[in-house]
Amino acid sequence: MFAWLRRRRVLREKQRLERLHLHLLTAARDLQRNGDIQGFAAKTAEAAVVEQQLDRFLAEHGLTAAPSR
């Protein structure tokens, strides 16, 4: 009866993980541009962990990743 509500919750979680991943990659890029290579490496590692979480989430729910732009 409330399948649409569950679907909406799943899509919100997917969007949250995608936004977090993009934010971490943007922060890593900015650190690299400012010459902070250790900070860049740390942020990139965090982004990789979030990407793995996103991949696992997508596999569990049978969704596909958003197309690259």
N, C-alpha and C. Protein backbone atom coordinates (compact mmCIF):
# COMPACT_ATOMS: atom_id res chain seq x y z
N MET A 1 0.80 -1.19 0.00
CA MET A 1 0.00 0.00 0.00
C MET A 1 0.85 1.26 0.00
N PHE A 2 1.95 1.22 0.73
CA PHE A 2 2.81 2.39 0.81
C PHE A 2 4.15 2.16 0.11
N ALA A 3 4.11 1.45 -1.00
CA ALA A 3 5.33 1.17 -1.74
C ALA A 3 5.98 2.46 -2.25
N TRP A 4 5.17 3.44 -2.59
CA TRP A 4 5.71 4.71 -3.08
C TRP A 4 6.52 5.41 -1.98
N LEU A 5 6.09 5.25 -0.72
CA LEU A 5 6.81 5.88 0.38
C LEU A 5 8.18 5.23 0.58
N ARG A 6 8.19 3.91 0.48
CA ARG A 6 9.46 3.19 0.62
C ARG A 6 10.39 3.56 -0.53
N ARG A 7 9.85 3.61 -1.73
CA ARG A 7 10.66 3.98 -2.91
C ARG A 7 11.25 5.38 -2.74
N ARG A 8 10.44 6.30 -2.23
CA ARG A 8 10.91 7.67 -2.03
C ARG A 8 12.04 7.72 -1.00
N ARG A 9 11.90 6.93 0.07
CA ARG A 9 12.94 6.88 1.10
C ARG A 9 14.24 6.31 0.52
N VAL A 10 14.13 5.29 -0.31
CA VAL A 10 15.31 4.69 -0.93
C VAL A 10 15.99 5.69 -1.86
N LEU A 11 15.21 6.41 -2.65
CA LEU A 11 15.79 7.39 -3.57
C LEU A 11 16.44 8.54 -2.82
N ARG A 12 15.86 8.94 -1.69
CA ARG A 12 16.47 10.01 -0.89
C ARG A 12 17.82 9.58 -0.33
N GLU A 13 17.90 8.34 0.12
CA GLU A 13 19.17 7.83 0.64
C GLU A 13 20.21 7.76 -0.47
N LYS A 14 19.79 7.35 -1.65
CA LYS A 14 20.70 7.31 -2.80
C LYS A 14 21.21 8.72 -3.11
N GLN A 15 20.31 9.69 -3.13
CA GLN A 15 20.71 11.07 -3.41
C GLN A 15 21.64 11.60 -2.33
N ARG A 16 21.38 11.24 -1.07
CA ARG A 16 22.24 11.70 0.03
C ARG A 16 23.66 11.18 -0.15
N LEU A 17 23.79 9.89 -0.48
CA LEU A 17 25.12 9.31 -0.68
C LEU A 17 25.82 9.93 -1.89
N GLU A 18 25.07 10.17 -2.96
CA GLU A 18 25.66 10.79 -4.15
C GLU A 18 26.14 12.20 -3.85
N ARG A 19 25.33 12.97 -3.11
CA ARG A 19 25.73 14.34 -2.77
C ARG A 19 26.96 14.35 -1.87
N LEU A 20 27.00 13.43 -0.89
CA LEU A 20 28.15 13.34 0.00
C LEU A 20 29.41 12.99 -0.78
N HIS A 21 29.29 12.05 -1.70
CA HIS A 21 30.44 11.64 -2.52
C HIS A 21 30.94 12.82 -3.35
N LEU A 22 30.03 13.54 -3.98
CA LEU A 22 30.41 14.69 -4.79
C LEU A 22 31.05 15.78 -3.93
N HIS A 23 30.51 16.01 -2.74
CA HIS A 23 31.06 17.02 -1.83
C HIS A 23 32.49 16.66 -1.43
N LEU A 24 32.71 15.38 -1.11
CA LEU A 24 34.06 14.95 -0.71
C LEU A 24 35.05 15.09 -1.86
N LEU A 25 34.61 14.75 -3.07
CA LEU A 25 35.50 14.89 -4.23
C LEU A 25 35.82 16.36 -4.51
N THR A 26 34.85 17.23 -4.33
CA THR A 26 35.07 18.66 -4.53
C THR A 26 36.04 19.20 -3.48
N ALA A 27 35.86 18.78 -2.24
CA ALA A 27 36.77 19.20 -1.18
C ALA A 27 38.19 18.69 -1.45
N ALA A 28 38.29 17.45 -1.94
CA ALA A 28 39.61 16.88 -2.26
C ALA A 28 40.27 17.67 -3.39
N ARG A 29 39.49 18.04 -4.39
CA ARG A 29 40.04 18.83 -5.49
C ARG A 29 40.57 20.17 -4.99
N ASP A 30 39.81 20.82 -4.12
CA ASP A 30 40.24 22.11 -3.59
C ASP A 30 41.51 21.98 -2.76
N LEU A 31 41.60 20.92 -1.97
CA LEU A 31 42.82 20.69 -1.19
C LEU A 31 44.02 20.47 -2.10
N GLN A 32 43.82 19.73 -3.17
CA GLN A 32 44.91 19.47 -4.11
C GLN A 32 45.36 20.76 -4.78
N ARG A 33 44.42 21.60 -5.15
CA ARG A 33 44.76 22.86 -5.80
C ARG A 33 45.51 23.80 -4.87
N ASN A 34 45.25 23.66 -3.56
CA ASN A 34 45.95 24.49 -2.58
C ASN A 34 47.27 23.88 -2.14
N GLY A 35 47.62 22.74 -2.67
CA GLY A 35 48.90 22.12 -2.39
C GLY A 35 48.91 21.19 -1.18
N ASP A 36 47.78 20.91 -0.60
CA ASP A 36 47.70 20.02 0.56
C ASP A 36 47.48 18.59 0.07
N ILE A 37 48.57 17.92 -0.28
CA ILE A 37 48.48 16.59 -0.87
C ILE A 37 48.03 15.55 0.16
N GLN A 38 48.45 15.68 1.40
CA GLN A 38 48.01 14.73 2.43
C GLN A 38 46.51 14.87 2.69
N GLY A 39 46.03 16.10 2.73
CA GLY A 39 44.60 16.32 2.89
C GLY A 39 43.82 15.79 1.71
N PHE A 40 44.39 15.99 0.51
CA PHE A 40 43.76 15.46 -0.71
C PHE A 40 43.64 13.94 -0.64
N ALA A 41 44.71 13.29 -0.19
CA ALA A 41 44.69 11.83 -0.10
C ALA A 41 43.64 11.36 0.92
N ALA A 42 43.53 12.06 2.03
CA ALA A 42 42.56 11.69 3.06
C ALA A 42 41.13 11.86 2.55
N LYS A 43 40.84 12.98 1.89
CA LYS A 43 39.49 13.22 1.37
C LYS A 43 39.15 12.24 0.26
N THR A 44 40.13 11.92 -0.57
CA THR A 44 39.90 10.95 -1.64
C THR A 44 39.59 9.57 -1.06
N ALA A 45 40.29 9.22 0.03
CA ALA A 45 40.01 7.94 0.68
C ALA A 45 38.60 7.93 1.27
N GLU A 46 38.18 9.05 1.88
CA GLU A 46 36.82 9.15 2.40
C GLU A 46 35.79 9.00 1.28
N ALA A 47 36.07 9.64 0.14
CA ALA A 47 35.17 9.56 -1.00
C ALA A 47 35.08 8.13 -1.53
N ALA A 48 36.19 7.41 -1.49
CA ALA A 48 36.18 6.02 -1.95
C ALA A 48 35.32 5.15 -1.04
N VAL A 49 35.36 5.41 0.26
CA VAL A 49 34.53 4.66 1.20
C VAL A 49 33.05 4.93 0.93
N VAL A 50 32.70 6.20 0.71
CA VAL A 50 31.32 6.55 0.43
C VAL A 50 30.88 5.94 -0.90
N GLU A 51 31.78 5.91 -1.87
CA GLU A 51 31.45 5.30 -3.16
C GLU A 51 31.16 3.81 -2.99
N GLN A 52 31.92 3.14 -2.15
CA GLN A 52 31.66 1.72 -1.89
C GLN A 52 30.30 1.53 -1.20
N GLN A 53 29.99 2.43 -0.26
CA GLN A 53 28.69 2.38 0.40
C GLN A 53 27.56 2.57 -0.62
N LEU A 54 27.76 3.51 -1.52
CA LEU A 54 26.76 3.78 -2.55
C LEU A 54 26.58 2.57 -3.46
N ASP A 55 27.68 1.97 -3.88
CA ASP A 55 27.60 0.78 -4.74
C ASP A 55 26.87 -0.36 -4.03
N ARG A 56 27.19 -0.56 -2.76
CA ARG A 56 26.54 -1.61 -1.97
C ARG A 56 25.04 -1.32 -1.83
N PHE A 57 24.70 -0.07 -1.57
CA PHE A 57 23.31 0.34 -1.44
C PHE A 57 22.55 0.10 -2.74
N LEU A 58 23.16 0.48 -3.86
CA LEU A 58 22.51 0.29 -5.15
C LEU A 58 22.29 -1.19 -5.46
N ALA A 59 23.28 -2.00 -5.12
CA ALA A 59 23.16 -3.44 -5.37
C ALA A 59 22.06 -4.05 -4.51
N GLU A 60 21.96 -3.61 -3.25
CA GLU A 60 20.94 -4.15 -2.35
C GLU A 60 19.53 -3.83 -2.81
N HIS A 61 19.37 -2.64 -3.41
CA HIS A 61 18.04 -2.20 -3.78
C HIS A 61 17.75 -2.33 -5.27
N GLY A 62 18.68 -2.89 -6.01
CA GLY A 62 18.46 -3.12 -7.43
C GLY A 62 18.36 -1.86 -8.26
N LEU A 63 19.06 -0.83 -7.83
CA LEU A 63 19.05 0.44 -8.56
C LEU A 63 20.32 0.57 -9.40
N THR A 64 20.32 1.56 -10.28
CA THR A 64 21.51 1.84 -11.06
C THR A 64 22.07 3.20 -10.67
N ALA A 65 23.34 3.39 -10.95
CA ALA A 65 23.97 4.66 -10.64
C ALA A 65 23.47 5.73 -11.59
N ALA A 66 23.56 6.96 -11.15
CA ALA A 66 23.15 8.09 -11.98
C ALA A 66 24.12 8.21 -13.15
N PRO A 67 23.64 8.60 -14.31
CA PRO A 67 24.54 8.74 -15.46
C PRO A 67 25.56 9.85 -15.21
N SER A 68 26.76 9.65 -15.70
CA SER A 68 27.83 10.65 -15.56
C SER A 68 27.56 11.81 -16.48
N ARG A 69 27.95 12.99 -16.03
CA ARG A 69 27.75 14.18 -16.86
C ARG A 69 29.03 14.65 -17.44
